[in-house]
Amino acid sequence: MKKILLLPILLIAMCFASCNDDDINTQTLSGEWALTSGNGTISGRTDTFAFGEITWTFHKNHTVDIVNTVTDTDKLSGLPSGKYNYTVQNSNEVEGCPKKITIGTAVFGCASVSPQEIQISDGFADGVGYQLVPMPEVILF
């Protein structure tokens, strides 16, 4: 009887121990990303950027290095250059957006993260959003 009860208890414990969403998000985010566009505001405009003009490098220690070489302050180019702490959290603040990302003091209430793309926005109807794509890995011979 003890063996029969022990197995379900162990399985349940393993499920809870392996359910760490943040590890998955950190693994997916880790690496260098290019911010390719910023869009939004009440006018619905989109600003596009040359590949590599703005880079965000996410580290597994929950920091991100941003290099933003855009000098036109009217462009929706995201955060200025610097090193920031970041967190990824489950959220139900914005309908249809299960995740939010906080970078420094900037809260992006709607986040979609995949190996091919990161889309973040403040979650407001006339707010601002950004698209990032992974930078290619350079292989030196």
N, C-alpha and C. Protein backbone atom coordinates (compact mmCIF):
# COMPACT_ATOMS: atom_id res chain seq x y z
N MET A 1 0.82 -1.19 0.00
CA MET A 1 0.00 0.00 0.00
C MET A 1 0.87 1.27 0.00
N LYS A 2 1.98 1.24 0.71
CA LYS A 2 2.87 2.40 0.76
C LYS A 2 3.45 2.70 -0.61
N LYS A 3 3.80 1.65 -1.37
CA LYS A 3 4.37 1.85 -2.70
C LYS A 3 3.35 2.49 -3.64
N ILE A 4 2.11 2.12 -3.54
CA ILE A 4 1.07 2.65 -4.41
C ILE A 4 0.86 4.14 -4.12
N LEU A 5 0.86 4.56 -2.89
CA LEU A 5 0.67 5.96 -2.53
C LEU A 5 1.91 6.80 -2.82
N LEU A 6 3.06 6.21 -2.71
CA LEU A 6 4.31 6.94 -2.91
C LEU A 6 4.49 7.38 -4.36
N LEU A 7 4.12 6.54 -5.31
CA LEU A 7 4.30 6.87 -6.72
C LEU A 7 3.50 8.11 -7.14
N PRO A 8 2.20 8.21 -6.85
CA PRO A 8 1.49 9.44 -7.22
C PRO A 8 2.04 10.69 -6.54
N ILE A 9 2.45 10.56 -5.30
CA ILE A 9 3.01 11.71 -4.58
C ILE A 9 4.30 12.17 -5.25
N LEU A 10 5.15 11.25 -5.64
CA LEU A 10 6.40 11.60 -6.33
C LEU A 10 6.11 12.25 -7.68
N LEU A 11 5.16 11.74 -8.43
CA LEU A 11 4.82 12.32 -9.72
C LEU A 11 4.29 13.75 -9.57
N ILE A 12 3.46 13.98 -8.60
CA ILE A 12 2.94 15.33 -8.36
C ILE A 12 4.07 16.28 -7.96
N ALA A 13 4.95 15.83 -7.10
CA ALA A 13 6.09 16.66 -6.68
C ALA A 13 6.98 17.01 -7.86
N MET A 14 7.21 16.06 -8.76
CA MET A 14 8.05 16.32 -9.94
C MET A 14 7.40 17.34 -10.86
N CYS A 15 6.09 17.28 -11.01
CA CYS A 15 5.38 18.25 -11.85
C CYS A 15 5.56 19.66 -11.31
N PHE A 16 5.37 19.83 -10.01
CA PHE A 16 5.53 21.16 -9.42
C PHE A 16 6.98 21.64 -9.49
N ALA A 17 7.92 20.77 -9.31
CA ALA A 17 9.33 21.15 -9.33
C ALA A 17 9.77 21.56 -10.72
N SER A 18 9.16 21.02 -11.77
CA SER A 18 9.59 21.33 -13.13
C SER A 18 8.79 22.45 -13.77
N CYS A 19 7.88 23.05 -13.06
CA CYS A 19 7.03 24.10 -13.62
C CYS A 19 7.58 25.48 -13.31
N ASN A 20 8.75 25.78 -13.81
CA ASN A 20 9.33 27.10 -13.60
C ASN A 20 9.31 27.85 -14.92
N ASP A 21 8.27 28.67 -15.14
CA ASP A 21 8.11 29.42 -16.37
C ASP A 21 9.28 30.34 -16.65
N ASP A 22 9.85 30.94 -15.61
CA ASP A 22 10.92 31.91 -15.79
C ASP A 22 12.14 31.27 -16.44
N ASP A 23 12.47 30.01 -16.09
CA ASP A 23 13.60 29.34 -16.72
C ASP A 23 13.40 29.22 -18.22
N ILE A 24 12.19 28.86 -18.64
CA ILE A 24 11.90 28.73 -20.06
C ILE A 24 12.06 30.08 -20.74
N ASN A 25 11.51 31.13 -20.16
CA ASN A 25 11.61 32.45 -20.76
C ASN A 25 13.03 32.97 -20.81
N THR A 26 13.79 32.74 -19.77
CA THR A 26 15.18 33.17 -19.75
C THR A 26 15.96 32.44 -20.84
N GLN A 27 15.72 31.14 -20.99
CA GLN A 27 16.41 30.36 -22.02
C GLN A 27 16.05 30.89 -23.41
N THR A 28 14.77 31.20 -23.65
CA THR A 28 14.33 31.70 -24.95
C THR A 28 14.86 33.10 -25.21
N LEU A 29 14.89 33.94 -24.20
CA LEU A 29 15.36 35.31 -24.36
C LEU A 29 16.87 35.41 -24.52
N SER A 30 17.62 34.54 -23.90
CA SER A 30 19.08 34.65 -23.86
C SER A 30 19.66 34.78 -25.26
N GLY A 31 20.53 35.77 -25.42
CA GLY A 31 21.19 35.99 -26.70
C GLY A 31 21.02 37.42 -27.17
N GLU A 32 21.50 37.66 -28.38
CA GLU A 32 21.49 39.01 -28.94
C GLU A 32 20.33 39.16 -29.92
N TRP A 33 19.57 40.21 -29.76
CA TRP A 33 18.39 40.49 -30.57
C TRP A 33 18.51 41.87 -31.20
N ALA A 34 17.96 42.02 -32.40
CA ALA A 34 17.93 43.31 -33.08
C ALA A 34 16.52 43.88 -33.00
N LEU A 35 16.39 45.11 -32.51
CA LEU A 35 15.10 45.78 -32.53
C LEU A 35 14.90 46.30 -33.95
N THR A 36 13.89 45.79 -34.65
CA THR A 36 13.69 46.13 -36.06
C THR A 36 12.59 47.15 -36.28
N SER A 37 11.67 47.29 -35.32
CA SER A 37 10.62 48.29 -35.50
C SER A 37 10.00 48.69 -34.17
N GLY A 38 9.52 49.91 -34.17
CA GLY A 38 8.72 50.44 -33.07
C GLY A 38 7.43 50.96 -33.69
N ASN A 39 6.31 50.68 -33.07
CA ASN A 39 5.04 51.11 -33.67
C ASN A 39 4.07 51.54 -32.60
N GLY A 40 3.08 52.31 -33.04
CA GLY A 40 2.03 52.70 -32.13
C GLY A 40 1.80 54.18 -32.06
N THR A 41 1.47 54.65 -30.92
CA THR A 41 0.98 55.99 -30.60
C THR A 41 -0.41 56.16 -31.21
N ILE A 42 -1.02 57.26 -30.95
CA ILE A 42 -2.38 57.49 -31.44
C ILE A 42 -2.41 57.57 -32.97
N SER A 43 -1.28 57.93 -33.58
CA SER A 43 -1.22 58.02 -35.05
C SER A 43 -1.03 56.66 -35.71
N GLY A 44 -0.64 55.65 -34.94
CA GLY A 44 -0.45 54.31 -35.50
C GLY A 44 0.77 54.18 -36.39
N ARG A 45 1.74 54.98 -36.18
CA ARG A 45 2.92 54.97 -37.05
C ARG A 45 3.85 53.80 -36.74
N THR A 46 4.74 53.49 -37.70
CA THR A 46 5.76 52.47 -37.52
C THR A 46 7.11 53.05 -37.94
N ASP A 47 8.09 52.92 -37.07
CA ASP A 47 9.46 53.31 -37.39
C ASP A 47 10.27 52.03 -37.53
N THR A 48 10.99 51.89 -38.64
CA THR A 48 11.83 50.71 -38.85
C THR A 48 13.29 51.09 -38.71
N PHE A 49 14.10 50.09 -38.34
CA PHE A 49 15.51 50.33 -38.08
C PHE A 49 16.36 49.31 -38.81
N ALA A 50 17.54 49.74 -39.23
CA ALA A 50 18.48 48.84 -39.90
C ALA A 50 18.86 47.72 -38.94
N PHE A 51 19.07 46.55 -39.50
CA PHE A 51 19.42 45.38 -38.71
C PHE A 51 20.71 45.66 -37.94
N GLY A 52 20.67 45.57 -36.62
CA GLY A 52 21.84 45.80 -35.78
C GLY A 52 22.00 47.24 -35.31
N GLU A 53 21.14 48.14 -35.78
CA GLU A 53 21.21 49.53 -35.34
C GLU A 53 20.86 49.65 -33.84
N ILE A 54 19.97 48.78 -33.40
CA ILE A 54 19.59 48.71 -31.98
C ILE A 54 19.66 47.25 -31.57
N THR A 55 20.51 46.93 -30.60
CA THR A 55 20.62 45.53 -30.15
C THR A 55 20.31 45.44 -28.66
N TRP A 56 19.65 44.34 -28.32
CA TRP A 56 19.35 44.00 -26.93
C TRP A 56 19.96 42.64 -26.69
N THR A 57 20.88 42.54 -25.74
CA THR A 57 21.50 41.26 -25.40
C THR A 57 21.02 40.83 -24.02
N PHE A 58 20.18 39.79 -24.02
CA PHE A 58 19.63 39.26 -22.77
C PHE A 58 20.58 38.21 -22.21
N HIS A 59 20.87 38.31 -20.92
CA HIS A 59 21.74 37.36 -20.23
C HIS A 59 20.91 36.51 -19.27
N LYS A 60 21.39 35.32 -18.98
CA LYS A 60 20.67 34.40 -18.09
C LYS A 60 20.61 34.91 -16.66
N ASN A 61 21.45 35.89 -16.31
CA ASN A 61 21.42 36.44 -14.95
C ASN A 61 20.40 37.57 -14.80
N HIS A 62 19.47 37.65 -15.74
CA HIS A 62 18.38 38.63 -15.72
C HIS A 62 18.85 40.06 -15.89
N THR A 63 19.87 40.25 -16.73
CA THR A 63 20.27 41.58 -17.15
C THR A 63 20.20 41.63 -18.67
N VAL A 64 20.02 42.82 -19.20
CA VAL A 64 20.00 43.03 -20.65
C VAL A 64 20.86 44.25 -20.95
N ASP A 65 21.74 44.10 -21.95
CA ASP A 65 22.57 45.20 -22.42
C ASP A 65 21.91 45.75 -23.69
N ILE A 66 21.59 47.03 -23.69
CA ILE A 66 20.97 47.65 -24.86
C ILE A 66 21.97 48.62 -25.47
N VAL A 67 22.17 48.48 -26.78
CA VAL A 67 22.98 49.42 -27.54
C VAL A 67 22.04 50.05 -28.57
N ASN A 68 21.75 51.33 -28.38
CA ASN A 68 20.81 52.06 -29.23
C ASN A 68 21.57 53.21 -29.89
N THR A 69 21.86 53.07 -31.19
CA THR A 69 22.64 54.09 -31.90
C THR A 69 21.76 55.11 -32.62
N VAL A 70 20.45 55.03 -32.45
CA VAL A 70 19.52 55.96 -33.10
C VAL A 70 19.59 57.30 -32.37
N THR A 71 19.85 58.37 -33.11
CA THR A 71 19.98 59.69 -32.50
C THR A 71 18.72 60.55 -32.66
N ASP A 72 17.82 60.15 -33.54
CA ASP A 72 16.58 60.90 -33.76
C ASP A 72 15.61 60.58 -32.62
N THR A 73 15.39 61.55 -31.75
CA THR A 73 14.55 61.32 -30.57
C THR A 73 13.07 61.21 -30.91
N ASP A 74 12.68 61.55 -32.14
CA ASP A 74 11.28 61.40 -32.55
C ASP A 74 10.95 59.96 -32.95
N LYS A 75 11.96 59.13 -33.13
CA LYS A 75 11.75 57.73 -33.53
C LYS A 75 11.36 56.89 -32.32
N LEU A 76 10.54 55.88 -32.57
CA LEU A 76 10.14 54.92 -31.52
C LEU A 76 11.21 53.84 -31.44
N SER A 77 12.36 54.20 -30.85
CA SER A 77 13.52 53.30 -30.84
C SER A 77 13.73 52.57 -29.52
N GLY A 78 12.78 52.66 -28.61
CA GLY A 78 12.89 51.91 -27.36
C GLY A 78 13.76 52.60 -26.33
N LEU A 79 14.34 51.79 -25.50
CA LEU A 79 15.12 52.29 -24.37
C LEU A 79 16.50 52.78 -24.82
N PRO A 80 17.07 53.74 -24.09
CA PRO A 80 18.42 54.20 -24.42
C PRO A 80 19.47 53.15 -24.08
N SER A 81 20.66 53.31 -24.62
CA SER A 81 21.76 52.39 -24.33
C SER A 81 21.99 52.29 -22.84
N GLY A 82 22.31 51.08 -22.38
CA GLY A 82 22.57 50.87 -20.97
C GLY A 82 22.42 49.42 -20.58
N LYS A 83 22.72 49.14 -19.33
CA LYS A 83 22.55 47.80 -18.76
C LYS A 83 21.37 47.87 -17.80
N TYR A 84 20.42 46.96 -17.98
CA TYR A 84 19.19 46.96 -17.19
C TYR A 84 18.95 45.57 -16.59
N ASN A 85 18.26 45.53 -15.47
CA ASN A 85 17.73 44.27 -14.95
C ASN A 85 16.39 44.04 -15.63
N TYR A 86 16.04 42.76 -15.81
CA TYR A 86 14.73 42.46 -16.38
C TYR A 86 14.08 41.30 -15.64
N THR A 87 12.75 41.29 -15.69
CA THR A 87 11.96 40.18 -15.15
C THR A 87 10.89 39.81 -16.16
N VAL A 88 10.53 38.55 -16.17
CA VAL A 88 9.41 38.05 -16.98
C VAL A 88 8.42 37.46 -15.99
N GLN A 89 7.17 37.87 -16.11
CA GLN A 89 6.16 37.41 -15.15
C GLN A 89 4.88 37.01 -15.88
N ASN A 90 4.18 36.06 -15.29
CA ASN A 90 2.82 35.77 -15.75
C ASN A 90 1.97 36.97 -15.38
N SER A 91 1.00 37.28 -16.24
CA SER A 91 0.17 38.45 -15.98
C SER A 91 -1.19 38.28 -16.63
N ASN A 92 -2.19 38.83 -16.00
CA ASN A 92 -3.51 38.90 -16.61
C ASN A 92 -3.99 40.35 -16.67
N GLU A 93 -3.05 41.29 -16.61
CA GLU A 93 -3.38 42.71 -16.61
C GLU A 93 -3.95 43.16 -17.96
N VAL A 94 -3.42 42.60 -19.06
CA VAL A 94 -3.87 42.96 -20.40
C VAL A 94 -4.52 41.73 -21.01
N GLU A 95 -5.76 41.86 -21.44
CA GLU A 95 -6.48 40.71 -22.00
C GLU A 95 -5.74 40.14 -23.21
N GLY A 96 -5.56 38.83 -23.21
CA GLY A 96 -4.88 38.15 -24.31
C GLY A 96 -3.36 38.17 -24.21
N CYS A 97 -2.83 38.72 -23.14
CA CYS A 97 -1.38 38.79 -22.96
C CYS A 97 -1.00 38.10 -21.65
N PRO A 98 -0.56 36.85 -21.72
CA PRO A 98 -0.28 36.11 -20.49
C PRO A 98 1.05 36.47 -19.82
N LYS A 99 1.93 37.20 -20.51
CA LYS A 99 3.25 37.53 -19.96
C LYS A 99 3.47 39.04 -19.99
N LYS A 100 4.27 39.50 -19.03
CA LYS A 100 4.75 40.88 -19.08
C LYS A 100 6.24 40.86 -18.79
N ILE A 101 6.95 41.82 -19.37
CA ILE A 101 8.39 41.96 -19.17
C ILE A 101 8.64 43.35 -18.59
N THR A 102 9.42 43.41 -17.53
CA THR A 102 9.84 44.68 -16.96
C THR A 102 11.34 44.80 -17.20
N ILE A 103 11.74 45.90 -17.85
CA ILE A 103 13.15 46.16 -18.12
C ILE A 103 13.49 47.49 -17.47
N GLY A 104 14.34 47.43 -16.44
CA GLY A 104 14.58 48.63 -15.65
C GLY A 104 13.27 49.06 -15.02
N THR A 105 12.84 50.29 -15.31
CA THR A 105 11.56 50.77 -14.79
C THR A 105 10.46 50.71 -15.85
N ALA A 106 10.80 50.28 -17.07
CA ALA A 106 9.81 50.20 -18.15
C ALA A 106 9.04 48.89 -18.06
N VAL A 107 7.73 48.98 -17.98
CA VAL A 107 6.88 47.79 -17.90
C VAL A 107 6.20 47.59 -19.25
N PHE A 108 6.45 46.44 -19.86
CA PHE A 108 5.80 46.06 -21.10
C PHE A 108 4.74 45.02 -20.74
N GLY A 109 3.50 45.48 -20.61
CA GLY A 109 2.42 44.65 -20.10
C GLY A 109 1.95 43.55 -21.02
N CYS A 110 2.45 43.54 -22.25
CA CYS A 110 2.08 42.50 -23.20
C CYS A 110 3.35 42.01 -23.88
N ALA A 111 3.67 40.74 -23.70
CA ALA A 111 4.91 40.19 -24.26
C ALA A 111 4.64 38.85 -24.91
N SER A 112 5.22 38.68 -26.09
CA SER A 112 5.16 37.41 -26.80
C SER A 112 6.60 37.05 -27.16
N VAL A 113 7.05 35.89 -26.70
CA VAL A 113 8.45 35.50 -26.88
C VAL A 113 8.50 34.14 -27.55
N SER A 114 9.26 34.05 -28.65
CA SER A 114 9.52 32.77 -29.30
C SER A 114 10.97 32.79 -29.76
N PRO A 115 11.52 31.67 -30.21
CA PRO A 115 12.90 31.68 -30.70
C PRO A 115 13.09 32.57 -31.94
N GLN A 116 12.01 32.86 -32.67
CA GLN A 116 12.10 33.65 -33.89
C GLN A 116 11.81 35.13 -33.71
N GLU A 117 11.17 35.50 -32.59
CA GLU A 117 10.72 36.88 -32.47
C GLU A 117 10.32 37.21 -31.03
N ILE A 118 10.56 38.46 -30.65
CA ILE A 118 10.03 39.00 -29.41
C ILE A 118 9.15 40.18 -29.80
N GLN A 119 7.92 40.19 -29.30
CA GLN A 119 7.05 41.35 -29.47
C GLN A 119 6.63 41.82 -28.09
N ILE A 120 6.90 43.09 -27.81
CA ILE A 120 6.53 43.65 -26.52
C ILE A 120 5.78 44.96 -26.75
N SER A 121 4.85 45.24 -25.88
CA SER A 121 4.15 46.52 -25.94
C SER A 121 3.70 46.90 -24.54
N ASP A 122 3.33 48.16 -24.42
CA ASP A 122 2.85 48.60 -23.11
C ASP A 122 1.44 48.10 -22.83
N GLY A 123 0.75 47.60 -23.85
CA GLY A 123 -0.57 47.00 -23.65
C GLY A 123 -1.73 47.97 -23.78
N PHE A 124 -1.45 49.22 -24.11
CA PHE A 124 -2.51 50.21 -24.27
C PHE A 124 -2.92 50.31 -25.73
N ALA A 125 -4.18 50.67 -25.98
CA ALA A 125 -4.70 50.74 -27.35
C ALA A 125 -3.90 51.72 -28.21
N ASP A 126 -3.51 52.85 -27.67
CA ASP A 126 -2.73 53.82 -28.44
C ASP A 126 -1.29 53.90 -27.91
N GLY A 127 -0.83 52.80 -27.37
CA GLY A 127 0.52 52.75 -26.79
C GLY A 127 1.58 52.43 -27.82
N VAL A 128 2.72 51.96 -27.33
CA VAL A 128 3.88 51.69 -28.17
C VAL A 128 4.29 50.24 -28.04
N GLY A 129 4.71 49.65 -29.16
CA GLY A 129 5.20 48.27 -29.16
C GLY A 129 6.48 48.16 -29.97
N TYR A 130 7.21 47.08 -29.73
CA TYR A 130 8.49 46.86 -30.40
C TYR A 130 8.60 45.42 -30.88
N GLN A 131 9.30 45.24 -31.99
CA GLN A 131 9.57 43.90 -32.51
C GLN A 131 11.08 43.70 -32.55
N LEU A 132 11.52 42.54 -32.03
CA LEU A 132 12.94 42.18 -32.05
C LEU A 132 13.08 40.81 -32.71
N VAL A 133 14.16 40.65 -33.46
CA VAL A 133 14.47 39.36 -34.08
C VAL A 133 15.89 38.97 -33.67
N PRO A 134 16.18 37.67 -33.65
CA PRO A 134 17.52 37.25 -33.21
C PRO A 134 18.60 37.68 -34.19
N MET A 135 19.73 38.09 -33.65
CA MET A 135 20.90 38.39 -34.47
C MET A 135 21.51 37.07 -34.89
N PRO A 136 22.02 36.99 -36.12
CA PRO A 136 22.65 35.74 -36.54
C PRO A 136 23.96 35.51 -35.78
N GLU A 137 24.25 34.25 -35.54
CA GLU A 137 25.52 33.91 -34.89
C GLU A 137 26.62 33.96 -35.94
N VAL A 138 27.72 34.56 -35.58
CA VAL A 138 28.87 34.65 -36.47
C VAL A 138 29.82 33.51 -36.14
N ILE A 139 30.16 32.74 -37.16
CA ILE A 139 31.09 31.63 -36.97
C ILE A 139 32.41 32.00 -37.64
N LEU A 140 33.45 32.08 -36.86
CA LEU A 140 34.77 32.42 -37.39
C LEU A 140 35.56 31.16 -37.69
N PHE A 141 36.25 31.17 -38.80
CA PHE A 141 37.07 30.00 -39.18
C PHE A 141 38.51 30.21 -38.81
